[in-house]
Amino acid sequence: MRILLVEDEHKVARFIQRGLEAEGYEVDIASDGKIGEKKSRSDEFDLILLDVLLPKKNGFEILESLRKDKIRTPVIMLTARGTTEDIVSGLDLGADDYLTKPFVFDELLARV
């Protein structure tokens, strides 16, 4: 399974990447919203893990744009923005799941 991780915090991205790769997943990382959206459109992924608070373009904007263009790759929002309003917004925009930081890696793994 090939996963795109769109995360600007280097330590968080490396932690997630190492954990998922140890479970046999292939993980590509994009460190800002523009690169993440470009990769999600130009490469084939089985899943996108998408932060909300990103430089250059936020995760909600990326998700909205992908869904508008009928890109149906499953998306799990992975973000510190955990208000009910944020969660509902992400799900309404087409996210398949929403996990707030900080999180337990085993929970992320179960959702993947």
PDB file of N, CA and C in Angstrom:
ATOM      1  N   MET A   1       0.849  -1.176   0.000  1.00  0.00           N
ATOM      2  CA  MET A   1       0.000   0.000   0.000  1.00  0.00           C
ATOM      3  C   MET A   1       0.892   1.236   0.000  1.00  0.00           C
ATOM      4  N   ARG A   2       0.555   2.172  -0.855  1.00  0.00           N
ATOM      5  CA  ARG A   2       1.344   3.402  -1.003  1.00  0.00           C
ATOM      6  C   ARG A   2       0.592   4.569  -0.370  1.00  0.00           C
ATOM      7  N   ILE A   3       1.267   5.271   0.534  1.00  0.00           N
ATOM      8  CA  ILE A   3       0.649   6.352   1.302  1.00  0.00           C
ATOM      9  C   ILE A   3       1.389   7.658   1.057  1.00  0.00           C
ATOM     10  N   LEU A   4       0.616   8.732   0.852  1.00  0.00           N
ATOM     11  CA  LEU A   4       1.183  10.078   0.798  1.00  0.00           C
ATOM     12  C   LEU A   4       0.907  10.741   2.140  1.00  0.00           C
ATOM     13  N   LEU A   5       1.966  11.178   2.791  1.00  0.00           N
ATOM     14  CA  LEU A   5       1.871  11.900   4.056  1.00  0.00           C
ATOM     15  C   LEU A   5       2.181  13.365   3.783  1.00  0.00           C
ATOM     16  N   VAL A   6       1.198  14.234   3.991  1.00  0.00           N
ATOM     17  CA  VAL A   6       1.385  15.668   3.794  1.00  0.00           C
ATOM     18  C   VAL A   6       1.464  16.290   5.186  1.00  0.00           C
ATOM     19  N   GLU A   7       2.693  16.570   5.611  1.00  0.00           N
ATOM     20  CA  GLU A   7       2.970  17.014   6.978  1.00  0.00           C
ATOM     21  C   GLU A   7       4.188  17.920   6.968  1.00  0.00           C
ATOM     22  N   ASP A   8       4.066  19.125   7.534  1.00  0.00           N
ATOM     23  CA  ASP A   8       5.177  20.077   7.513  1.00  0.00           C
ATOM     24  C   ASP A   8       6.102  19.960   8.715  1.00  0.00           C
ATOM     25  N   GLU A   9       5.700  19.283   9.772  1.00  0.00           N
ATOM     26  CA  GLU A   9       6.567  19.110  10.936  1.00  0.00           C
ATOM     27  C   GLU A   9       7.465  17.903  10.700  1.00  0.00           C
ATOM     28  N   HIS A  10       8.738  18.177  10.491  1.00  0.00           N
ATOM     29  CA  HIS A  10       9.690  17.138  10.089  1.00  0.00           C
ATOM     30  C   HIS A  10       9.736  15.962  11.067  1.00  0.00           C
ATOM     31  N   LYS A  11       9.789  16.245  12.361  1.00  0.00           N
ATOM     32  CA  LYS A  11       9.859  15.164  13.356  1.00  0.00           C
ATOM     33  C   LYS A  11       8.619  14.279  13.315  1.00  0.00           C
ATOM     34  N   VAL A  12       7.467  14.894  13.197  1.00  0.00           N
ATOM     35  CA  VAL A  12       6.212  14.140  13.128  1.00  0.00           C
ATOM     36  C   VAL A  12       6.186  13.294  11.858  1.00  0.00           C
ATOM     37  N   ALA A  13       6.581  13.892  10.747  1.00  0.00           N
ATOM     38  CA  ALA A  13       6.577  13.170   9.475  1.00  0.00           C
ATOM     39  C   ALA A  13       7.502  11.958   9.521  1.00  0.00           C
ATOM     40  N   ARG A  14       8.692  12.128  10.052  1.00  0.00           N
ATOM     41  CA  ARG A  14       9.651  11.013  10.130  1.00  0.00           C
ATOM     42  C   ARG A  14       9.150   9.913  11.063  1.00  0.00           C
ATOM     43  N   PHE A  15       8.537  10.300  12.194  1.00  0.00           N
ATOM     44  CA  PHE A  15       7.978   9.334  13.135  1.00  0.00           C
ATOM     45  C   PHE A  15       6.903   8.483  12.447  1.00  0.00           C
ATOM     46  N   ILE A  16       5.990   9.134  11.769  1.00  0.00           N
ATOM     47  CA  ILE A  16       4.911   8.422  11.078  1.00  0.00           C
ATOM     48  C   ILE A  16       5.480   7.558   9.957  1.00  0.00           C
ATOM     49  N   GLN A  17       6.386   8.129   9.166  1.00  0.00           N
ATOM     50  CA  GLN A  17       6.974   7.379   8.067  1.00  0.00           C
ATOM     51  C   GLN A  17       7.675   6.117   8.562  1.00  0.00           C
ATOM     52  N   ARG A  18       8.514   6.251   9.576  1.00  0.00           N
ATOM     53  CA  ARG A  18       9.234   5.082  10.115  1.00  0.00           C
ATOM     54  C   ARG A  18       8.270   4.013  10.611  1.00  0.00           C
ATOM     55  N   GLY A  19       7.247   4.438  11.336  1.00  0.00           N
ATOM     56  CA  GLY A  19       6.278   3.488  11.875  1.00  0.00           C
ATOM     57  C   GLY A  19       5.512   2.754  10.796  1.00  0.00           C
ATOM     58  N   LEU A  20       5.063   3.484   9.793  1.00  0.00           N
ATOM     59  CA  LEU A  20       4.310   2.853   8.708  1.00  0.00           C
ATOM     60  C   LEU A  20       5.195   1.951   7.854  1.00  0.00           C
ATOM     61  N   GLU A  21       6.421   2.396   7.586  1.00  0.00           N
ATOM     62  CA  GLU A  21       7.334   1.562   6.801  1.00  0.00           C
ATOM     63  C   GLU A  21       7.690   0.280   7.550  1.00  0.00           C
ATOM     64  N   ALA A  22       7.778   0.350   8.863  1.00  0.00           N
ATOM     65  CA  ALA A  22       8.043  -0.858   9.661  1.00  0.00           C
ATOM     66  C   ALA A  22       6.887  -1.861   9.538  1.00  0.00           C
ATOM     67  N   GLU A  23       5.704  -1.368   9.202  1.00  0.00           N
ATOM     68  CA  GLU A  23       4.541  -2.233   9.006  1.00  0.00           C
ATOM     69  C   GLU A  23       4.372  -2.660   7.546  1.00  0.00           C
ATOM     70  N   GLY A  24       5.319  -2.258   6.701  1.00  0.00           N
ATOM     71  CA  GLY A  24       5.292  -2.696   5.304  1.00  0.00           C
ATOM     72  C   GLY A  24       4.666  -1.732   4.313  1.00  0.00           C
ATOM     73  N   TYR A  25       4.327  -0.538   4.756  1.00  0.00           N
ATOM     74  CA  TYR A  25       3.752   0.455   3.858  1.00  0.00           C
ATOM     75  C   TYR A  25       4.850   1.262   3.188  1.00  0.00           C
ATOM     76  N   GLU A  26       4.582   1.736   1.987  1.00  0.00           N
ATOM     77  CA  GLU A  26       5.478   2.654   1.281  1.00  0.00           C
ATOM     78  C   GLU A  26       4.944   4.064   1.526  1.00  0.00           C
ATOM     79  N   VAL A  27       5.810   4.964   2.011  1.00  0.00           N
ATOM     80  CA  VAL A  27       5.365   6.300   2.407  1.00  0.00           C
ATOM     81  C   VAL A  27       6.162   7.374   1.682  1.00  0.00           C
ATOM     82  N   ASP A  28       5.451   8.264   0.993  1.00  0.00           N
ATOM     83  CA  ASP A  28       6.047   9.467   0.407  1.00  0.00           C
ATOM     84  C   ASP A  28       5.632  10.641   1.284  1.00  0.00           C
ATOM     85  N   ILE A  29       6.521  11.615   1.430  1.00  0.00           N
ATOM     86  CA  ILE A  29       6.235  12.784   2.257  1.00  0.00           C
ATOM     87  C   ILE A  29       6.238  14.048   1.405  1.00  0.00           C
ATOM     88  N   ALA A  30       5.261  14.913   1.671  1.00  0.00           N
ATOM     89  CA  ALA A  30       5.235  16.263   1.114  1.00  0.00           C
ATOM     90  C   ALA A  30       5.202  17.220   2.298  1.00  0.00           C
ATOM     91  N   SER A  31       6.069  18.228   2.277  1.00  0.00           N
ATOM     92  CA  SER A  31       6.206  19.099   3.450  1.00  0.00           C
ATOM     93  C   SER A  31       5.419  20.405   3.362  1.00  0.00           C
ATOM     94  N   ASP A  32       4.701  20.630   2.285  1.00  0.00           N
ATOM     95  CA  ASP A  32       3.798  21.787   2.233  1.00  0.00           C
ATOM     96  C   ASP A  32       2.594  21.447   1.368  1.00  0.00           C
ATOM     97  N   GLY A  33       1.586  22.290   1.451  1.00  0.00           N
ATOM     98  CA  GLY A  33       0.328  22.016   0.774  1.00  0.00           C
ATOM     99  C   GLY A  33       0.414  21.958  -0.738  1.00  0.00           C
ATOM    100  N   LYS A  34       1.171  22.838  -1.333  1.00  0.00           N
ATOM    101  CA  LYS A  34       1.269  22.839  -2.800  1.00  0.00           C
ATOM    102  C   LYS A  34       1.932  21.566  -3.313  1.00  0.00           C
ATOM    103  N   ILE A  35       3.019  21.162  -2.676  1.00  0.00           N
ATOM    104  CA  ILE A  35       3.698  19.927  -3.084  1.00  0.00           C
ATOM    105  C   ILE A  35       2.773  18.736  -2.833  1.00  0.00           C
ATOM    106  N   GLY A  36       2.089  18.733  -1.696  1.00  0.00           N
ATOM    107  CA  GLY A  36       1.174  17.639  -1.382  1.00  0.00           C
ATOM    108  C   GLY A  36       0.065  17.504  -2.402  1.00  0.00           C
ATOM    109  N   GLU A  37      -0.531  18.608  -2.789  1.00  0.00           N
ATOM    110  CA  GLU A  37      -1.597  18.537  -3.786  1.00  0.00           C
ATOM    111  C   GLU A  37      -1.052  18.077  -5.129  1.00  0.00           C
ATOM    112  N   LYS A  38       0.108  18.591  -5.514  1.00  0.00           N
ATOM    113  CA  LYS A  38       0.702  18.187  -6.787  1.00  0.00           C
ATOM    114  C   LYS A  38       0.976  16.679  -6.801  1.00  0.00           C
ATOM    115  N   LYS A  39       1.571  16.166  -5.728  1.00  0.00           N
ATOM    116  CA  LYS A  39       1.850  14.723  -5.657  1.00  0.00           C
ATOM    117  C   LYS A  39       0.564  13.909  -5.680  1.00  0.00           C
ATOM    118  N   SER A  40      -0.455  14.378  -4.992  1.00  0.00           N
ATOM    119  CA  SER A  40      -1.703  13.629  -4.934  1.00  0.00           C
ATOM    120  C   SER A  40      -2.398  13.568  -6.289  1.00  0.00           C
ATOM    121  N   ARG A  41      -2.090  14.505  -7.156  1.00  0.00           N
ATOM    122  CA  ARG A  41      -2.670  14.516  -8.495  1.00  0.00           C
ATOM    123  C   ARG A  41      -1.799  13.792  -9.529  1.00  0.00           C
ATOM    124  N   SER A  42      -0.492  13.756  -9.300  1.00  0.00           N
ATOM    125  CA  SER A  42       0.407  13.217 -10.323  1.00  0.00           C
ATOM    126  C   SER A  42       0.827  11.775 -10.074  1.00  0.00           C
ATOM    127  N   ASP A  43       0.687  11.287  -8.850  1.00  0.00           N
ATOM    128  CA  ASP A  43       1.073   9.918  -8.518  1.00  0.00           C
ATOM    129  C   ASP A  43      -0.145   9.157  -8.006  1.00  0.00           C
ATOM    130  N   GLU A  44      -0.043   7.836  -8.021  1.00  0.00           N
ATOM    131  CA  GLU A  44      -1.121   6.988  -7.511  1.00  0.00           C
ATOM    132  C   GLU A  44      -0.829   6.613  -6.068  1.00  0.00           C
ATOM    133  N   PHE A  45      -1.762   6.910  -5.187  1.00  0.00           N
ATOM    134  CA  PHE A  45      -1.643   6.556  -3.785  1.00  0.00           C
ATOM    135  C   PHE A  45      -2.901   5.808  -3.360  1.00  0.00           C
ATOM    136  N   ASP A  46      -2.732   4.926  -2.384  1.00  0.00           N
ATOM    137  CA  ASP A  46      -3.866   4.196  -1.835  1.00  0.00           C
ATOM    138  C   ASP A  46      -4.520   4.967  -0.697  1.00  0.00           C
ATOM    139  N   LEU A  47      -3.764   5.911  -0.123  1.00  0.00           N
ATOM    140  CA  LEU A  47      -4.247   6.686   1.013  1.00  0.00           C
ATOM    141  C   LEU A  47      -3.441   7.975   1.118  1.00  0.00           C
ATOM    142  N   ILE A  48      -4.114   9.046   1.555  1.00  0.00           N
ATOM    143  CA  ILE A  48      -3.446  10.312   1.843  1.00  0.00           C
ATOM    144  C   ILE A  48      -3.676  10.636   3.315  1.00  0.00           C
ATOM    145  N   LEU A  49      -2.591  10.858   4.044  1.00  0.00           N
ATOM    146  CA  LEU A  49      -2.654  11.380   5.413  1.00  0.00           C
ATOM    147  C   LEU A  49      -2.376  12.867   5.299  1.00  0.00           C
ATOM    148  N   LEU A  50      -3.343  13.687   5.669  1.00  0.00           N
ATOM    149  CA  LEU A  50      -3.296  15.113   5.338  1.00  0.00           C
ATOM    150  C   LEU A  50      -3.437  15.987   6.575  1.00  0.00           C
ATOM    151  N   ASP A  51      -2.402  16.765   6.847  1.00  0.00           N
ATOM    152  CA  ASP A  51      -2.453  17.770   7.916  1.00  0.00           C
ATOM    153  C   ASP A  51      -3.323  18.926   7.435  1.00  0.00           C
ATOM    154  N   VAL A  52      -3.832  19.713   8.356  1.00  0.00           N
ATOM    155  CA  VAL A  52      -4.612  20.898   7.988  1.00  0.00           C
ATOM    156  C   VAL A  52      -3.726  22.135   7.939  1.00  0.00           C
ATOM    157  N   LEU A  53      -2.954  22.348   8.985  1.00  0.00           N
ATOM    158  CA  LEU A  53      -2.142  23.561   9.084  1.00  0.00           C
ATOM    159  C   LEU A  53      -0.826  23.364   8.335  1.00  0.00           C
ATOM    160  N   LEU A  54      -0.841  23.711   7.062  1.00  0.00           N
ATOM    161  CA  LEU A  54       0.313  23.530   6.186  1.00  0.00           C
ATOM    162  C   LEU A  54       0.716  24.858   5.568  1.00  0.00           C
ATOM    163  N   PRO A  55       2.004  25.035   5.269  1.00  0.00           N
ATOM    164  CA  PRO A  55       2.405  26.220   4.510  1.00  0.00           C
ATOM    165  C   PRO A  55       1.931  26.111   3.059  1.00  0.00           C
ATOM    166  N   LYS A  56       1.682  27.231   2.466  1.00  0.00           N
ATOM    167  CA  LYS A  56       1.358  27.424   1.051  1.00  0.00           C
ATOM    168  C   LYS A  56      -0.074  27.076   0.673  1.00  0.00           C
ATOM    169  N   LYS A  57      -0.658  26.037   1.262  1.00  0.00           N
ATOM    170  CA  LYS A  57      -2.064  25.698   1.014  1.00  0.00           C
ATOM    171  C   LYS A  57      -2.501  24.758   2.125  1.00  0.00           C
ATOM    172  N   ASN A  58      -3.621  25.075   2.777  1.00  0.00           N
ATOM    173  CA  ASN A  58      -4.013  24.245   3.918  1.00  0.00           C
ATOM    174  C   ASN A  58      -4.716  22.964   3.480  1.00  0.00           C
ATOM    175  N   GLY A  59      -4.770  22.019   4.395  1.00  0.00           N
ATOM    176  CA  GLY A  59      -5.316  20.706   4.078  1.00  0.00           C
ATOM    177  C   GLY A  59      -6.777  20.723   3.682  1.00  0.00           C
ATOM    178  N   PHE A  60      -7.579  21.606   4.280  1.00  0.00           N
ATOM    179  CA  PHE A  60      -8.979  21.703   3.893  1.00  0.00           C
ATOM    180  C   PHE A  60      -9.108  22.148   2.437  1.00  0.00           C
ATOM    181  N   GLU A  61      -8.287  23.105   2.025  1.00  0.00           N
ATOM    182  CA  GLU A  61      -8.323  23.579   0.635  1.00  0.00           C
ATOM    183  C   GLU A  61      -7.902  22.465  -0.326  1.00  0.00           C
ATOM    184  N   ILE A  62      -6.883  21.720   0.051  1.00  0.00           N
ATOM    185  CA  ILE A  62      -6.423  20.603  -0.791  1.00  0.00           C
ATOM    186  C   ILE A  62      -7.531  19.571  -0.936  1.00  0.00           C
ATOM    187  N   LEU A  63      -8.109  19.178   0.177  1.00  0.00           N
ATOM    188  CA  LEU A  63      -9.171  18.169   0.149  1.00  0.00           C
ATOM    189  C   LEU A  63     -10.349  18.632  -0.695  1.00  0.00           C
ATOM    190  N   GLU A  64     -10.759  19.859  -0.501  1.00  0.00           N
ATOM    191  CA  GLU A  64     -11.882  20.396  -1.281  1.00  0.00           C
ATOM    192  C   GLU A  64     -11.573  20.364  -2.771  1.00  0.00           C
ATOM    193  N   SER A  65     -10.363  20.748  -3.150  1.00  0.00           N
ATOM    194  CA  SER A  65      -9.962  20.759  -4.547  1.00  0.00           C
ATOM    195  C   SER A  65      -9.928  19.342  -5.137  1.00  0.00           C
ATOM    196  N   LEU A  66      -9.386  18.395  -4.384  1.00  0.00           N
ATOM    197  CA  LEU A  66      -9.333  17.013  -4.868  1.00  0.00           C
ATOM    198  C   LEU A  66     -10.726  16.444  -5.084  1.00  0.00           C
ATOM    199  N   ARG A  67     -11.586  16.642  -4.106  1.00  0.00           N
ATOM    200  CA  ARG A  67     -12.940  16.092  -4.220  1.00  0.00           C
ATOM    201  C   ARG A  67     -13.733  16.782  -5.332  1.00  0.00           C
ATOM    202  N   LYS A  68     -13.511  18.066  -5.520  1.00  0.00           N
ATOM    203  CA  LYS A  68     -14.181  18.798  -6.599  1.00  0.00           C
ATOM    204  C   LYS A  68     -13.800  18.204  -7.958  1.00  0.00           C
ATOM    205  N   ASP A  69     -12.546  17.763  -8.071  1.00  0.00           N
ATOM    206  CA  ASP A  69     -12.058  17.173  -9.320  1.00  0.00           C
ATOM    207  C   ASP A  69     -12.248  15.661  -9.369  1.00  0.00           C
ATOM    208  N   LYS A  70     -13.104  15.148  -8.492  1.00  0.00           N
ATOM    209  CA  LYS A  70     -13.478  13.724  -8.476  1.00  0.00           C
ATOM    210  C   LYS A  70     -12.327  12.782  -8.150  1.00  0.00           C
ATOM    211  N   ILE A  71     -11.322  13.268  -7.440  1.00  0.00           N
ATOM    212  CA  ILE A  71     -10.231  12.406  -6.970  1.00  0.00           C
ATOM    213  C   ILE A  71     -10.710  11.790  -5.662  1.00  0.00           C
ATOM    214  N   ARG A  72     -10.867  10.485  -5.652  1.00  0.00           N
ATOM    215  CA  ARG A  72     -11.502   9.780  -4.541  1.00  0.00           C
ATOM    216  C   ARG A  72     -10.531   8.977  -3.670  1.00  0.00           C
ATOM    217  N   THR A  73      -9.246   9.253  -3.780  1.00  0.00           N
ATOM    218  CA  THR A  73      -8.272   8.588  -2.912  1.00  0.00           C
ATOM    219  C   THR A  73      -8.703   8.804  -1.465  1.00  0.00           C
ATOM    220  N   PRO A  74      -8.768   7.739  -0.659  1.00  0.00           N
ATOM    221  CA  PRO A  74      -9.143   7.924   0.742  1.00  0.00           C
ATOM    222  C   PRO A  74      -8.198   8.903   1.447  1.00  0.00           C
ATOM    223  N   VAL A  75      -8.779   9.749   2.295  1.00  0.00           N
ATOM    224  CA  VAL A  75      -8.017  10.768   3.017  1.00  0.00           C
ATOM    225  C   VAL A  75      -8.331  10.672   4.506  1.00  0.00           C
ATOM    226  N   ILE A  76      -7.266  10.601   5.303  1.00  0.00           N
ATOM    227  CA  ILE A  76      -7.395  10.732   6.752  1.00  0.00           C
ATOM    228  C   ILE A  76      -6.762  12.065   7.124  1.00  0.00           C
ATOM    229  N   MET A  77      -7.559  12.951   7.703  1.00  0.00           N
ATOM    230  CA  MET A  77      -7.027  14.206   8.204  1.00  0.00           C
ATOM    231  C   MET A  77      -6.271  13.879   9.484  1.00  0.00           C
ATOM    232  N   LEU A  78      -5.075  14.415   9.607  1.00  0.00           N
ATOM    233  CA  LEU A  78      -4.213  14.148  10.754  1.00  0.00           C
ATOM    234  C   LEU A  78      -3.700  15.503  11.227  1.00  0.00           C
ATOM    235  N   THR A  79      -4.350  16.080  12.253  1.00  0.00           N
ATOM    236  CA  THR A  79      -4.115  17.486  12.552  1.00  0.00           C
ATOM    237  C   THR A  79      -4.314  17.823  14.029  1.00  0.00           C
ATOM    238  N   ALA A  80      -3.733  18.923  14.434  1.00  0.00           N
ATOM    239  CA  ALA A  80      -3.921  19.443  15.786  1.00  0.00           C
ATOM    240  C   ALA A  80      -5.261  20.165  15.921  1.00  0.00           C
ATOM    241  N   ARG A  81      -5.898  20.463  14.809  1.00  0.00           N
ATOM    242  CA  ARG A  81      -7.182  21.168  14.850  1.00  0.00           C
ATOM    243  C   ARG A  81      -8.284  20.166  15.173  1.00  0.00           C
ATOM    244  N   GLY A  82      -8.692  20.153  16.435  1.00  0.00           N
ATOM    245  CA  GLY A  82      -9.595  19.117  16.882  1.00  0.00           C
ATOM    246  C   GLY A  82     -10.922  19.578  17.434  1.00  0.00           C
ATOM    247  N   THR A  83     -11.332  20.796  17.099  1.00  0.00           N
ATOM    248  CA  THR A  83     -12.653  21.222  17.556  1.00  0.00           C
ATOM    249  C   THR A  83     -13.717  20.452  16.772  1.00  0.00           C
ATOM    250  N   THR A  84     -14.898  20.392  17.337  1.00  0.00           N
ATOM    251  CA  THR A  84     -16.002  19.728  16.631  1.00  0.00           C
ATOM    252  C   THR A  84     -16.225  20.379  15.272  1.00  0.00           C
ATOM    253  N   GLU A  85     -16.121  21.687  15.216  1.00  0.00           N
ATOM    254  CA  GLU A  85     -16.305  22.416  13.953  1.00  0.00           C
ATOM    255  C   GLU A  85     -15.267  21.989  12.915  1.00  0.00           C
ATOM    256  N   ASP A  86     -14.007  21.848  13.333  1.00  0.00           N
ATOM    257  CA  ASP A  86     -12.948  21.412  12.413  1.00  0.00           C
ATOM    258  C   ASP A  86     -13.200  20.001  11.908  1.00  0.00           C
ATOM    259  N   ILE A  87     -13.566  19.111  12.818  1.00  0.00           N
ATOM    260  CA  ILE A  87     -13.808  17.719  12.440  1.00  0.00           C
ATOM    261  C   ILE A  87     -14.968  17.628  11.460  1.00  0.00           C
ATOM    262  N   VAL A  88     -16.065  18.317  11.758  1.00  0.00           N
ATOM    263  CA  VAL A  88     -17.219  18.308  10.867  1.00  0.00           C
ATOM    264  C   VAL A  88     -16.856  18.909   9.514  1.00  0.00           C
ATOM    265  N   SER A  89     -16.080  19.993   9.508  1.00  0.00           N
ATOM    266  CA  SER A  89     -15.657  20.609   8.244  1.00  0.00           C
ATOM    267  C   SER A  89     -14.860  19.623   7.398  1.00  0.00           C
ATOM    268  N   GLY A  90     -13.891  18.955   8.016  1.00  0.00           N
ATOM    269  CA  GLY A  90     -13.082  17.987   7.284  1.00  0.00           C
ATOM    270  C   GLY A  90     -13.910  16.855   6.705  1.00  0.00           C
ATOM    271  N   LEU A  91     -14.807  16.310   7.510  1.00  0.00           N
ATOM    272  CA  LEU A  91     -15.651  15.217   7.032  1.00  0.00           C
ATOM    273  C   LEU A  91     -16.613  15.695   5.951  1.00  0.00           C
ATOM    274  N   ASP A  92     -17.181  16.891   6.122  1.00  0.00           N
ATOM    275  CA  ASP A  92     -18.091  17.444   5.117  1.00  0.00           C
ATOM    276  C   ASP A  92     -17.383  17.708   3.792  1.00  0.00           C
ATOM    277  N   LEU A  93     -16.099  18.032   3.847  1.00  0.00           N
ATOM    278  CA  LEU A  93     -15.340  18.275   2.616  1.00  0.00           C
ATOM    279  C   LEU A  93     -14.961  16.976   1.904  1.00  0.00           C
ATOM    280  N   GLY A  94     -15.143  15.848   2.589  1.00  0.00           N
ATOM    281  CA  GLY A  94     -14.885  14.572   1.936  1.00  0.00           C
ATOM    282  C   GLY A  94     -13.817  13.710   2.567  1.00  0.00           C
ATOM    283  N   ALA A  95     -13.321  14.097   3.745  1.00  0.00           N
ATOM    284  CA  ALA A  95     -12.350  13.239   4.423  1.00  0.00           C
ATOM    285  C   ALA A  95     -13.036  11.936   4.826  1.00  0.00           C
ATOM    286  N   ASP A  96     -12.289  10.854   4.775  1.00  0.00           N
ATOM    287  CA  ASP A  96     -12.821   9.556   5.165  1.00  0.00           C
ATOM    288  C   ASP A  96     -12.694   9.318   6.663  1.00  0.00           C
ATOM    289  N   ASP A  97     -11.774  10.021   7.289  1.00  0.00           N
ATOM    290  CA  ASP A  97     -11.560   9.892   8.725  1.00  0.00           C
ATOM    291  C   ASP A  97     -10.824  11.138   9.205  1.00  0.00           C
ATOM    292  N   TYR A  98     -10.777  11.335  10.510  1.00  0.00           N
ATOM    293  CA  TYR A  98     -10.180  12.539  11.090  1.00  0.00           C
ATOM    294  C   TYR A  98      -9.566  12.139  12.422  1.00  0.00           C
ATOM    295  N   LEU A  99      -8.264  12.325  12.554  1.00  0.00           N
ATOM    296  CA  LEU A  99      -7.542  11.967  13.772  1.00  0.00           C
ATOM    297  C   LEU A  99      -6.786  13.194  14.264  1.00  0.00           C
ATOM    298  N   THR A 100      -6.982  13.517  15.544  1.00  0.00           N
ATOM    299  CA  THR A 100      -6.332  14.710  16.082  1.00  0.00           C
ATOM    300  C   THR A 100      -5.008  14.362  16.755  1.00  0.00           C
ATOM    301  N   LYS A 101      -4.077  15.312  16.669  1.00  0.00           N
ATOM    302  CA  LYS A 101      -2.777  15.216  17.342  1.00  0.00           C
ATOM    303  C   LYS A 101      -2.939  15.784  18.745  1.00  0.00           C
ATOM    304  N   PRO A 102      -2.247  15.274  19.710  1.00  0.00           N
ATOM    305  CA  PRO A 102      -1.368  14.109  19.618  1.00  0.00           C
ATOM    306  C   PRO A 102      -2.204  12.839  19.529  1.00  0.00           C
ATOM    307  N   PHE A 103      -1.635  11.800  18.949  1.00  0.00           N
ATOM    308  CA  PHE A 103      -2.345  10.543  18.754  1.00  0.00           C
ATOM    309  C   PHE A 103      -1.432   9.394  19.154  1.00  0.00           C
ATOM    310  N   VAL A 104      -2.025   8.256  19.360  1.00  0.00           N
ATOM    311  CA  VAL A 104      -1.277   7.034  19.634  1.00  0.00           C
ATOM    312  C   VAL A 104      -1.067   6.350  18.291  1.00  0.00           C
ATOM    313  N   PHE A 105       0.182   5.975  17.994  1.00  0.00           N
ATOM    314  CA  PHE A 105       0.487   5.421  16.674  1.00  0.00           C
ATOM    315  C   PHE A 105      -0.386   4.201  16.356  1.00  0.00           C
ATOM    316  N   ASP A 106      -0.647   3.355  17.337  1.00  0.00           N
ATOM    317  CA  ASP A 106      -1.478   2.164  17.077  1.00  0.00           C
ATOM    318  C   ASP A 106      -2.877   2.544  16.584  1.00  0.00           C
ATOM    319  N   GLU A 107      -3.406   3.653  17.063  1.00  0.00           N
ATOM    320  CA  GLU A 107      -4.710   4.094  16.580  1.00  0.00           C
ATOM    321  C   GLU A 107      -4.622   4.536  15.120  1.00  0.00           C
ATOM    322  N   LEU A 108      -3.571   5.277  14.775  1.00  0.00           N
ATOM    323  CA  LEU A 108      -3.372   5.653  13.376  1.00  0.00           C
ATOM    324  C   LEU A 108      -3.256   4.405  12.517  1.00  0.00           C
ATOM    325  N   LEU A 109      -2.463   3.454  12.954  1.00  0.00           N
ATOM    326  CA  LEU A 109      -2.267   2.217  12.212  1.00  0.00           C
ATOM    327  C   LEU A 109      -3.596   1.481  11.995  1.00  0.00           C
ATOM    328  N   ALA A 110      -4.425   1.421  13.006  1.00  0.00           N
ATOM    329  CA  ALA A 110      -5.725   0.761  12.875  1.00  0.00           C
ATOM    330  C   ALA A 110      -6.601   1.478  11.858  1.00  0.00           C
ATOM    331  N   ARG A 111      -6.544   2.786  11.826  1.00  0.00           N
ATOM    332  CA  ARG A 111      -7.358   3.548  10.870  1.00  0.00           C
ATOM    333  C   ARG A 111      -6.835   3.386   9.438  1.00  0.00           C
ATOM    334  N   VAL A 112      -5.521   3.287   9.304  1.00  0.00           N
ATOM    335  CA  VAL A 112      -4.922   3.071   7.976  1.00  0.00           C
ATOM    336  C   VAL A 112      -5.380   1.718   7.449  1.00  0.00           C
TER     337      VAL A 112
END
